[in-house]
Amino acid sequence: AVVAGVMDHRGEVVPVVDLRTRFGLPPSSDARRAKWILIE
């Protein structure tokens, strides 16, 4: 459930982990400031 899905980032398939879901929080009501931090 914590894996929101995958994205194509410059030709690489990258899984995206939703930390709100992981931390047991409801979805954000303000997605305008949301970001994805790509880590290795």
PDB file of all heavy atoms in Angstrom:
ATOM      1  N   ALA A   1       0.816  -1.217   0.000  1.00  0.00           N
ATOM      2  CA  ALA A   1       0.000   0.000   0.000  1.00  0.00           C
ATOM      3  C   ALA A   1       0.849   1.267   0.000  1.00  0.00           C
ATOM      4  O   ALA A   1       0.431   2.293  -0.529  1.00  0.00           O
ATOM      5  CB  ALA A   1      -0.940  -0.005   1.190  1.00  0.00           C
ATOM      6  N   VAL A   2       2.040   1.200   0.584  1.00  0.00           N
ATOM      7  CA  VAL A   2       2.873   2.406   0.651  1.00  0.00           C
ATOM      8  C   VAL A   2       3.504   2.764  -0.690  1.00  0.00           C
ATOM      9  O   VAL A   2       3.976   3.872  -0.867  1.00  0.00           O
ATOM     10  CB  VAL A   2       3.978   2.293   1.725  1.00  0.00           C
ATOM     11  CG1 VAL A   2       3.364   2.127   3.105  1.00  0.00           C
ATOM     12  CG2 VAL A   2       4.953   1.200   1.418  1.00  0.00           C
ATOM     13  N   VAL A   3       3.525   1.840  -1.634  1.00  0.00           N
ATOM     14  CA  VAL A   3       4.063   2.133  -2.958  1.00  0.00           C
ATOM     15  C   VAL A   3       2.925   2.715  -3.786  1.00  0.00           C
ATOM     16  O   VAL A   3       2.011   2.008  -4.200  1.00  0.00           O
ATOM     17  CB  VAL A   3       4.662   0.879  -3.635  1.00  0.00           C
ATOM     18  CG1 VAL A   3       5.173   1.220  -5.034  1.00  0.00           C
ATOM     19  CG2 VAL A   3       5.777   0.298  -2.790  1.00  0.00           C
ATOM     20  N   ALA A   4       2.977   4.032  -3.998  1.00  0.00           N
ATOM     21  CA  ALA A   4       1.914   4.720  -4.728  1.00  0.00           C
ATOM     22  C   ALA A   4       1.883   4.294  -6.190  1.00  0.00           C
ATOM     23  O   ALA A   4       0.850   4.366  -6.842  1.00  0.00           O
ATOM     24  CB  ALA A   4       2.110   6.235  -4.616  1.00  0.00           C
ATOM     25  N   GLY A   5       3.012   3.865  -6.704  1.00  0.00           N
ATOM     26  CA  GLY A   5       3.119   3.458  -8.098  1.00  0.00           C
ATOM     27  C   GLY A   5       4.537   3.663  -8.582  1.00  0.00           C
ATOM     28  O   GLY A   5       5.453   3.868  -7.783  1.00  0.00           O
ATOM     29  N   VAL A   6       4.697   3.603  -9.891  1.00  0.00           N
ATOM     30  CA  VAL A   6       6.009   3.828 -10.491  1.00  0.00           C
ATOM     31  C   VAL A   6       5.897   4.943 -11.525  1.00  0.00           C
ATOM     32  O   VAL A   6       4.833   5.178 -12.089  1.00  0.00           O
ATOM     33  CB  VAL A   6       6.593   2.553 -11.147  1.00  0.00           C
ATOM     34  CG1 VAL A   6       6.851   1.482 -10.098  1.00  0.00           C
ATOM     35  CG2 VAL A   6       5.684   2.023 -12.239  1.00  0.00           C
ATOM     36  N   MET A   7       7.019   5.601 -11.738  1.00  0.00           N
ATOM     37  CA  MET A   7       7.056   6.655 -12.746  1.00  0.00           C
ATOM     38  C   MET A   7       8.236   6.410 -13.672  1.00  0.00           C
ATOM     39  O   MET A   7       9.196   5.728 -13.311  1.00  0.00           O
ATOM     40  CB  MET A   7       7.192   8.027 -12.090  1.00  0.00           C
ATOM     41  CG  MET A   7       8.533   8.299 -11.453  1.00  0.00           C
ATOM     42  SD  MET A   7       8.578  10.020 -10.921  1.00  0.00           S
ATOM     43  CE  MET A   7      10.291  10.223 -10.565  1.00  0.00           C
ATOM     44  N   ASP A   8       8.138   6.968 -14.851  1.00  0.00           N
ATOM     45  CA  ASP A   8       9.255   6.946 -15.787  1.00  0.00           C
ATOM     46  C   ASP A   8      10.003   8.254 -15.588  1.00  0.00           C
ATOM     47  O   ASP A   8       9.477   9.326 -15.877  1.00  0.00           O
ATOM     48  CB  ASP A   8       8.742   6.829 -17.221  1.00  0.00           C
ATOM     49  CG  ASP A   8       9.862   6.824 -18.247  1.00  0.00           C
ATOM     50  OD1 ASP A   8      11.036   7.063 -17.872  1.00  0.00           O
ATOM     51  OD2 ASP A   8       9.574   6.602 -19.431  1.00  0.00           O
ATOM     52  N   HIS A   9      11.201   8.160 -15.053  1.00  0.00           N
ATOM     53  CA  HIS A   9      12.016   9.352 -14.832  1.00  0.00           C
ATOM     54  C   HIS A   9      13.275   9.247 -15.674  1.00  0.00           C
ATOM     55  O   HIS A   9      14.182   8.475 -15.352  1.00  0.00           O
ATOM     56  CB  HIS A   9      12.373   9.501 -13.350  1.00  0.00           C
ATOM     57  CG  HIS A   9      13.128  10.746 -13.053  1.00  0.00           C
ATOM     58  ND1 HIS A   9      12.558  11.984 -13.117  1.00  0.00           N
ATOM     59  CD2 HIS A   9      14.429  10.937 -12.713  1.00  0.00           C
ATOM     60  CE1 HIS A   9      13.471  12.893 -12.818  1.00  0.00           C
ATOM     61  NE2 HIS A   9      14.608  12.289 -12.569  1.00  0.00           N
ATOM     62  N   ARG A  10      13.263   9.965 -16.779  1.00  0.00           N
ATOM     63  CA  ARG A  10      14.403   9.978 -17.703  1.00  0.00           C
ATOM     64  C   ARG A  10      14.798   8.567 -18.149  1.00  0.00           C
ATOM     65  O   ARG A  10      15.971   8.201 -18.158  1.00  0.00           O
ATOM     66  CB  ARG A  10      15.585  10.706 -17.087  1.00  0.00           C
ATOM     67  CG  ARG A  10      15.253  12.150 -16.780  1.00  0.00           C
ATOM     68  CD  ARG A  10      16.443  12.884 -16.254  1.00  0.00           C
ATOM     69  NE  ARG A  10      16.032  14.240 -15.924  1.00  0.00           N
ATOM     70  CZ  ARG A  10      16.431  14.901 -14.875  1.00  0.00           C
ATOM     71  NH1 ARG A  10      17.293  14.355 -14.038  1.00  0.00           N
ATOM     72  NH2 ARG A  10      16.012  16.113 -14.642  1.00  0.00           N
ATOM     73  N   GLY A  11      13.787   7.764 -18.451  1.00  0.00           N
ATOM     74  CA  GLY A  11      14.031   6.426 -18.957  1.00  0.00           C
ATOM     75  C   GLY A  11      14.203   5.356 -17.890  1.00  0.00           C
ATOM     76  O   GLY A  11      14.356   4.190 -18.217  1.00  0.00           O
ATOM     77  N   GLU A  12      14.165   5.736 -16.640  1.00  0.00           N
ATOM     78  CA  GLU A  12      14.300   4.772 -15.546  1.00  0.00           C
ATOM     79  C   GLU A  12      12.953   4.634 -14.838  1.00  0.00           C
ATOM     80  O   GLU A  12      12.291   5.626 -14.545  1.00  0.00           O
ATOM     81  CB  GLU A  12      15.358   5.258 -14.556  1.00  0.00           C
ATOM     82  CG  GLU A  12      15.607   4.324 -13.407  1.00  0.00           C
ATOM     83  CD  GLU A  12      16.673   4.839 -12.447  1.00  0.00           C
ATOM     84  OE1 GLU A  12      17.221   5.932 -12.647  1.00  0.00           O
ATOM     85  OE2 GLU A  12      16.944   4.127 -11.468  1.00  0.00           O
ATOM     86  N   VAL A  13      12.540   3.395 -14.568  1.00  0.00           N
ATOM     87  CA  VAL A  13      11.292   3.157 -13.848  1.00  0.00           C
ATOM     88  C   VAL A  13      11.595   3.261 -12.356  1.00  0.00           C
ATOM     89  O   VAL A  13      12.414   2.514 -11.827  1.00  0.00           O
ATOM     90  CB  VAL A  13      10.703   1.778 -14.197  1.00  0.00           C
ATOM     91  CG1 VAL A  13       9.422   1.539 -13.410  1.00  0.00           C
ATOM     92  CG2 VAL A  13      10.442   1.684 -15.692  1.00  0.00           C
ATOM     93  N   VAL A  14      10.943   4.226 -11.701  1.00  0.00           N
ATOM     94  CA  VAL A  14      11.238   4.543 -10.304  1.00  0.00           C
ATOM     95  C   VAL A  14       9.989   4.333  -9.445  1.00  0.00           C
ATOM     96  O   VAL A  14       8.957   4.949  -9.709  1.00  0.00           O
ATOM     97  CB  VAL A  14      11.720   6.014 -10.179  1.00  0.00           C
ATOM     98  CG1 VAL A  14      11.976   6.387  -8.727  1.00  0.00           C
ATOM     99  CG2 VAL A  14      12.945   6.258 -11.037  1.00  0.00           C
ATOM    100  N   PRO A  15      10.069   3.466  -8.418  1.00  0.00           N
ATOM    101  CA  PRO A  15       8.936   3.330  -7.499  1.00  0.00           C
ATOM    102  C   PRO A  15       8.833   4.566  -6.603  1.00  0.00           C
ATOM    103  O   PRO A  15       9.846   5.162  -6.236  1.00  0.00           O
ATOM    104  CB  PRO A  15       9.279   2.094  -6.675  1.00  0.00           C
ATOM    105  CG  PRO A  15      10.754   1.947  -6.770  1.00  0.00           C
ATOM    106  CD  PRO A  15      11.176   2.576  -8.069  1.00  0.00           C
ATOM    107  N   VAL A  16       7.605   4.955  -6.284  1.00  0.00           N
ATOM    108  CA  VAL A  16       7.366   6.116  -5.423  1.00  0.00           C
ATOM    109  C   VAL A  16       6.650   5.645  -4.165  1.00  0.00           C
ATOM    110  O   VAL A  16       5.584   5.032  -4.238  1.00  0.00           O
ATOM    111  CB  VAL A  16       6.548   7.199  -6.150  1.00  0.00           C
ATOM    112  CG1 VAL A  16       6.229   8.364  -5.205  1.00  0.00           C
ATOM    113  CG2 VAL A  16       7.297   7.695  -7.385  1.00  0.00           C
ATOM    114  N   VAL A  17       7.265   5.922  -3.028  1.00  0.00           N
ATOM    115  CA  VAL A  17       6.723   5.539  -1.728  1.00  0.00           C
ATOM    116  C   VAL A  17       5.983   6.742  -1.142  1.00  0.00           C
ATOM    117  O   VAL A  17       6.546   7.834  -1.028  1.00  0.00           O
ATOM    118  CB  VAL A  17       7.866   5.102  -0.781  1.00  0.00           C
ATOM    119  CG1 VAL A  17       7.332   4.840   0.621  1.00  0.00           C
ATOM    120  CG2 VAL A  17       8.566   3.877  -1.340  1.00  0.00           C
ATOM    121  N   ASP A  18       4.723   6.540  -0.793  1.00  0.00           N
ATOM    122  CA  ASP A  18       3.902   7.600  -0.205  1.00  0.00           C
ATOM    123  C   ASP A  18       4.120   7.593   1.303  1.00  0.00           C
ATOM    124  O   ASP A  18       3.641   6.692   2.006  1.00  0.00           O
ATOM    125  CB  ASP A  18       2.434   7.367  -0.542  1.00  0.00           C
ATOM    126  CG  ASP A  18       1.536   8.488  -0.033  1.00  0.00           C
ATOM    127  OD1 ASP A  18       1.970   9.285   0.826  1.00  0.00           O
ATOM    128  OD2 ASP A  18       0.389   8.554  -0.496  1.00  0.00           O
ATOM    129  N   LEU A  19       4.852   8.576   1.801  1.00  0.00           N
ATOM    130  CA  LEU A  19       5.152   8.604   3.235  1.00  0.00           C
ATOM    131  C   LEU A  19       3.924   8.904   4.085  1.00  0.00           C
ATOM    132  O   LEU A  19       3.857   8.481   5.239  1.00  0.00           O
ATOM    133  CB  LEU A  19       6.282   9.585   3.530  1.00  0.00           C
ATOM    134  CG  LEU A  19       7.649   9.182   2.977  1.00  0.00           C
ATOM    135  CD1 LEU A  19       8.719  10.185   3.409  1.00  0.00           C
ATOM    136  CD2 LEU A  19       8.047   7.783   3.412  1.00  0.00           C
ATOM    137  N   ARG A  20       2.920   9.592   3.543  1.00  0.00           N
ATOM    138  CA  ARG A  20       1.682   9.810   4.309  1.00  0.00           C
ATOM    139  C   ARG A  20       1.024   8.463   4.604  1.00  0.00           C
ATOM    140  O   ARG A  20       0.601   8.197   5.725  1.00  0.00           O
ATOM    141  CB  ARG A  20       0.719  10.729   3.560  1.00  0.00           C
ATOM    142  CG  ARG A  20       1.175  12.181   3.547  1.00  0.00           C
ATOM    143  CD  ARG A  20       0.083  13.073   3.003  1.00  0.00           C
ATOM    144  NE  ARG A  20      -1.003  13.218   3.942  1.00  0.00           N
ATOM    145  CZ  ARG A  20      -1.046  14.094   4.948  1.00  0.00           C
ATOM    146  NH1 ARG A  20      -0.040  14.912   5.140  1.00  0.00           N
ATOM    147  NH2 ARG A  20      -2.074  14.154   5.740  1.00  0.00           N
ATOM    148  N   THR A  21       0.958   7.607   3.592  1.00  0.00           N
ATOM    149  CA  THR A  21       0.375   6.281   3.784  1.00  0.00           C
ATOM    150  C   THR A  21       1.213   5.488   4.771  1.00  0.00           C
ATOM    151  O   THR A  21       0.690   4.849   5.683  1.00  0.00           O
ATOM    152  CB  THR A  21       0.278   5.535   2.442  1.00  0.00           C
ATOM    153  OG1 THR A  21      -0.544   6.292   1.551  1.00  0.00           O
ATOM    154  CG2 THR A  21      -0.306   4.144   2.616  1.00  0.00           C
ATOM    155  N   ARG A  22       2.526   5.541   4.615  1.00  0.00           N
ATOM    156  CA  ARG A  22       3.441   4.790   5.485  1.00  0.00           C
ATOM    157  C   ARG A  22       3.300   5.201   6.941  1.00  0.00           C
ATOM    158  O   ARG A  22       3.380   4.388   7.846  1.00  0.00           O
ATOM    159  CB  ARG A  22       4.878   4.990   5.006  1.00  0.00           C
ATOM    160  CG  ARG A  22       5.931   4.402   5.921  1.00  0.00           C
ATOM    161  CD  ARG A  22       5.771   2.885   6.036  1.00  0.00           C
ATOM    162  NE  ARG A  22       6.797   2.284   6.831  1.00  0.00           N
ATOM    163  CZ  ARG A  22       6.706   2.077   8.140  1.00  0.00           C
ATOM    164  NH1 ARG A  22       5.643   2.455   8.801  1.00  0.00           N
ATOM    165  NH2 ARG A  22       7.681   1.497   8.786  1.00  0.00           N
ATOM    166  N   PHE A  23       3.056   6.496   7.157  1.00  0.00           N
ATOM    167  CA  PHE A  23       2.949   7.000   8.521  1.00  0.00           C
ATOM    168  C   PHE A  23       1.511   6.991   9.036  1.00  0.00           C
ATOM    169  O   PHE A  23       1.215   7.548  10.082  1.00  0.00           O
ATOM    170  CB  PHE A  23       3.538   8.398   8.625  1.00  0.00           C
ATOM    171  CG  PHE A  23       5.025   8.456   8.344  1.00  0.00           C
ATOM    172  CD1 PHE A  23       5.594   9.615   7.847  1.00  0.00           C
ATOM    173  CD2 PHE A  23       5.856   7.369   8.561  1.00  0.00           C
ATOM    174  CE1 PHE A  23       6.963   9.682   7.595  1.00  0.00           C
ATOM    175  CE2 PHE A  23       7.215   7.422   8.307  1.00  0.00           C
ATOM    176  CZ  PHE A  23       7.770   8.579   7.826  1.00  0.00           C
ATOM    177  N   GLY A  24       0.597   6.359   8.283  1.00  0.00           N
ATOM    178  CA  GLY A  24      -0.790   6.222   8.735  1.00  0.00           C
ATOM    179  C   GLY A  24      -1.592   7.503   8.690  1.00  0.00           C
ATOM    180  O   GLY A  24      -2.549   7.666   9.452  1.00  0.00           O
ATOM    181  N   LEU A  25      -1.243   8.408   7.797  1.00  0.00           N
ATOM    182  CA  LEU A  25      -1.947   9.682   7.682  1.00  0.00           C
ATOM    183  C   LEU A  25      -2.928   9.642   6.507  1.00  0.00           C
ATOM    184  O   LEU A  25      -2.687   8.937   5.523  1.00  0.00           O
ATOM    185  CB  LEU A  25      -0.946  10.820   7.455  1.00  0.00           C
ATOM    186  CG  LEU A  25       0.076  11.043   8.567  1.00  0.00           C
ATOM    187  CD1 LEU A  25       1.108  12.073   8.134  1.00  0.00           C
ATOM    188  CD2 LEU A  25      -0.616  11.503   9.835  1.00  0.00           C
ATOM    189  N   PRO A  26      -3.997  10.425   6.587  1.00  0.00           N
ATOM    190  CA  PRO A  26      -4.922  10.490   5.444  1.00  0.00           C
ATOM    191  C   PRO A  26      -4.262  11.244   4.288  1.00  0.00           C
ATOM    192  O   PRO A  26      -3.267  11.953   4.491  1.00  0.00           O
ATOM    193  CB  PRO A  26      -6.112  11.280   6.008  1.00  0.00           C
ATOM    194  CG  PRO A  26      -5.535  12.094   7.115  1.00  0.00           C
ATOM    195  CD  PRO A  26      -4.409  11.284   7.690  1.00  0.00           C
ATOM    196  N   PRO A  27      -4.812  11.105   3.085  1.00  0.00           N
ATOM    197  CA  PRO A  27      -4.254  11.857   1.952  1.00  0.00           C
ATOM    198  C   PRO A  27      -4.260  13.351   2.246  1.00  0.00           C
ATOM    199  O   PRO A  27      -5.121  13.857   2.967  1.00  0.00           O
ATOM    200  CB  PRO A  27      -5.201  11.530   0.791  1.00  0.00           C
ATOM    201  CG  PRO A  27      -5.846  10.236   1.181  1.00  0.00           C
ATOM    202  CD  PRO A  27      -5.930  10.262   2.692  1.00  0.00           C
ATOM    203  N   SER A  28      -3.301  14.050   1.675  1.00  0.00           N
ATOM    204  CA  SER A  28      -3.172  15.493   1.889  1.00  0.00           C
ATOM    205  C   SER A  28      -4.299  16.233   1.182  1.00  0.00           C
ATOM    206  O   SER A  28      -4.696  15.872   0.072  1.00  0.00           O
ATOM    207  CB  SER A  28      -1.827  15.992   1.355  1.00  0.00           C
ATOM    208  OG  SER A  28      -1.746  17.391   1.482  1.00  0.00           O
ATOM    209  N   SER A  29      -4.805  17.271   1.833  1.00  0.00           N
ATOM    210  CA  SER A  29      -5.832  18.098   1.206  1.00  0.00           C
ATOM    211  C   SER A  29      -5.203  19.217   0.383  1.00  0.00           C
ATOM    212  O   SER A  29      -5.884  19.927  -0.332  1.00  0.00           O
ATOM    213  CB  SER A  29      -6.760  18.685   2.280  1.00  0.00           C
ATOM    214  OG  SER A  29      -5.997  19.455   3.192  1.00  0.00           O
ATOM    215  N   ASP A  30      -3.885  19.387   0.476  1.00  0.00           N
ATOM    216  CA  ASP A  30      -3.175  20.439  -0.259  1.00  0.00           C
ATOM    217  C   ASP A  30      -2.000  19.827  -1.016  1.00  0.00           C
ATOM    218  O   ASP A  30      -0.898  19.723  -0.489  1.00  0.00           O
ATOM    219  CB  ASP A  30      -2.688  21.513   0.713  1.00  0.00           C
ATOM    220  CG  ASP A  30      -1.967  22.656   0.009  1.00  0.00           C
ATOM    221  OD1 ASP A  30      -2.088  22.772  -1.231  1.00  0.00           O
ATOM    222  OD2 ASP A  30      -1.279  23.429   0.697  1.00  0.00           O
ATOM    223  N   ALA A  31      -2.258  19.414  -2.238  1.00  0.00           N
ATOM    224  CA  ALA A  31      -1.214  18.764  -3.049  1.00  0.00           C
ATOM    225  C   ALA A  31      -0.341  19.774  -3.799  1.00  0.00           C
ATOM    226  O   ALA A  31       0.630  19.387  -4.441  1.00  0.00           O
ATOM    227  CB  ALA A  31      -1.860  17.797  -4.042  1.00  0.00           C
ATOM    228  N   ARG A  32      -0.644  21.066  -3.695  1.00  0.00           N
ATOM    229  CA  ARG A  32       0.110  22.083  -4.451  1.00  0.00           C
ATOM    230  C   ARG A  32       1.585  22.144  -4.060  1.00  0.00           C
ATOM    231  O   ARG A  32       2.420  22.428  -4.893  1.00  0.00           O
ATOM    232  CB  ARG A  32      -0.512  23.471  -4.261  1.00  0.00           C
ATOM    233  CG  ARG A  32      -1.887  23.610  -4.860  1.00  0.00           C
ATOM    234  CD  ARG A  32      -2.494  24.935  -4.485  1.00  0.00           C
ATOM    235  NE  ARG A  32      -2.614  24.957  -3.028  1.00  0.00           N
ATOM    236  CZ  ARG A  32      -2.768  26.039  -2.299  1.00  0.00           C
ATOM    237  NH1 ARG A  32      -2.820  27.210  -2.867  1.00  0.00           N
ATOM    238  NH2 ARG A  32      -2.869  25.969  -0.990  1.00  0.00           N
ATOM    239  N   ARG A  33       1.900  21.868  -2.814  1.00  0.00           N
ATOM    240  CA  ARG A  33       3.288  21.984  -2.353  1.00  0.00           C
ATOM    241  C   ARG A  33       4.007  20.637  -2.310  1.00  0.00           C
ATOM    242  O   ARG A  33       5.162  20.559  -1.928  1.00  0.00           O
ATOM    243  CB  ARG A  33       3.305  22.639  -0.974  1.00  0.00           C
ATOM    244  CG  ARG A  33       2.779  24.068  -1.049  1.00  0.00           C
ATOM    245  CD  ARG A  33       2.548  24.676   0.295  1.00  0.00           C
ATOM    246  NE  ARG A  33       3.799  24.979   0.955  1.00  0.00           N
ATOM    247  CZ  ARG A  33       3.888  25.479   2.167  1.00  0.00           C
ATOM    248  NH1 ARG A  33       2.798  25.721   2.857  1.00  0.00           N
ATOM    249  NH2 ARG A  33       5.042  25.724   2.711  1.00  0.00           N
ATOM    250  N   ALA A  34       3.308  19.574  -2.681  1.00  0.00           N
ATOM    251  CA  ALA A  34       3.881  18.229  -2.622  1.00  0.00           C
ATOM    252  C   ALA A  34       5.099  18.119  -3.541  1.00  0.00           C
ATOM    253  O   ALA A  34       5.165  18.749  -4.605  1.00  0.00           O
ATOM    254  CB  ALA A  34       2.835  17.196  -3.023  1.00  0.00           C
ATOM    255  N   LYS A  35       6.059  17.328  -3.109  1.00  0.00           N
ATOM    256  CA  LYS A  35       7.278  17.069  -3.888  1.00  0.00           C
ATOM    257  C   LYS A  35       7.624  15.602  -3.765  1.00  0.00           C
ATOM    258  O   LYS A  35       7.168  14.911  -2.855  1.00  0.00           O
ATOM    259  CB  LYS A  35       8.461  17.892  -3.359  1.00  0.00           C
ATOM    260  CG  LYS A  35       8.315  19.392  -3.502  1.00  0.00           C
ATOM    261  CD  LYS A  35       8.431  19.824  -4.930  1.00  0.00           C
ATOM    262  CE  LYS A  35       8.363  21.342  -5.018  1.00  0.00           C
ATOM    263  NZ  LYS A  35       8.194  21.789  -6.374  1.00  0.00           N
ATOM    264  N   TRP A  36       8.461  15.155  -4.663  1.00  0.00           N
ATOM    265  CA  TRP A  36       9.047  13.824  -4.569  1.00  0.00           C
ATOM    266  C   TRP A  36      10.542  13.992  -4.435  1.00  0.00           C
ATOM    267  O   TRP A  36      11.171  14.686  -5.243  1.00  0.00           O
ATOM    268  CB  TRP A  36       8.728  12.993  -5.796  1.00  0.00           C
ATOM    269  CG  TRP A  36       7.275  12.612  -5.897  1.00  0.00           C
ATOM    270  CD1 TRP A  36       6.303  12.739  -4.936  1.00  0.00           C
ATOM    271  CD2 TRP A  36       6.637  12.051  -7.034  1.00  0.00           C
ATOM    272  NE1 TRP A  36       5.104  12.281  -5.411  1.00  0.00           N
ATOM    273  CE2 TRP A  36       5.278  11.850  -6.698  1.00  0.00           C
ATOM    274  CE3 TRP A  36       7.070  11.699  -8.294  1.00  0.00           C
ATOM    275  CZ2 TRP A  36       4.362  11.312  -7.588  1.00  0.00           C
ATOM    276  CZ3 TRP A  36       6.145  11.159  -9.182  1.00  0.00           C
ATOM    277  CH2 TRP A  36       4.819  10.964  -8.821  1.00  0.00           C
ATOM    278  N   ILE A  37      11.094  13.384  -3.418  1.00  0.00           N
ATOM    279  CA  ILE A  37      12.540  13.399  -3.211  1.00  0.00           C
ATOM    280  C   ILE A  37      13.070  12.096  -3.784  1.00  0.00           C
ATOM    281  O   ILE A  37      12.732  11.013  -3.286  1.00  0.00           O
ATOM    282  CB  ILE A  37      12.893  13.533  -1.716  1.00  0.00           C
ATOM    283  CG1 ILE A  37      12.292  14.821  -1.133  1.00  0.00           C
ATOM    284  CG2 ILE A  37      14.406  13.497  -1.525  1.00  0.00           C
ATOM    285  CD1 ILE A  37      12.450  14.947   0.373  1.00  0.00           C
ATOM    286  N   LEU A  38      13.864  12.179  -4.833  1.00  0.00           N
ATOM    287  CA  LEU A  38      14.441  10.982  -5.440  1.00  0.00           C
ATOM    288  C   LEU A  38      15.747  10.681  -4.731  1.00  0.00           C
ATOM    289  O   LEU A  38      16.640  11.525  -4.670  1.00  0.00           O
ATOM    290  CB  LEU A  38      14.686  11.188  -6.935  1.00  0.00           C
ATOM    291  CG  LEU A  38      13.446  11.540  -7.761  1.00  0.00           C
ATOM    292  CD1 LEU A  38      13.802  11.639  -9.235  1.00  0.00           C
ATOM    293  CD2 LEU A  38      12.318  10.550  -7.536  1.00  0.00           C
ATOM    294  N   ILE A  39      15.803   9.482  -4.161  1.00  0.00           N
ATOM    295  CA  ILE A  39      16.984   9.078  -3.402  1.00  0.00           C
ATOM    296  C   ILE A  39      17.549   7.793  -3.990  1.00  0.00           C
ATOM    297  O   ILE A  39      16.865   7.090  -4.742  1.00  0.00           O
ATOM    298  CB  ILE A  39      16.667   8.889  -1.905  1.00  0.00           C
ATOM    299  CG1 ILE A  39      15.608   7.803  -1.700  1.00  0.00           C
ATOM    300  CG2 ILE A  39      16.238  10.205  -1.265  1.00  0.00           C
ATOM    301  CD1 ILE A  39      15.373   7.431  -0.262  1.00  0.00           C
ATOM    302  N   GLU A  40      18.770   7.503  -3.623  1.00  0.00           N
ATOM    303  CA  GLU A  40      19.440   6.270  -4.045  1.00  0.00           C
ATOM    304  C   GLU A  40      19.586   5.379  -2.816  1.00  0.00           C
ATOM    305  O   GLU A  40      20.147   5.797  -1.807  1.00  0.00           O
ATOM    306  CB  GLU A  40      20.814   6.612  -4.610  1.00  0.00           C
ATOM    307  CG  GLU A  40      21.522   5.460  -5.245  1.00  0.00           C
ATOM    308  CD  GLU A  40      21.243   5.354  -6.735  1.00  0.00           C
ATOM    309  OE1 GLU A  40      20.732   6.311  -7.338  1.00  0.00           O
ATOM    310  OE2 GLU A  40      21.557   4.298  -7.278  1.00  0.00           O
TER     311      GLU A  40
END
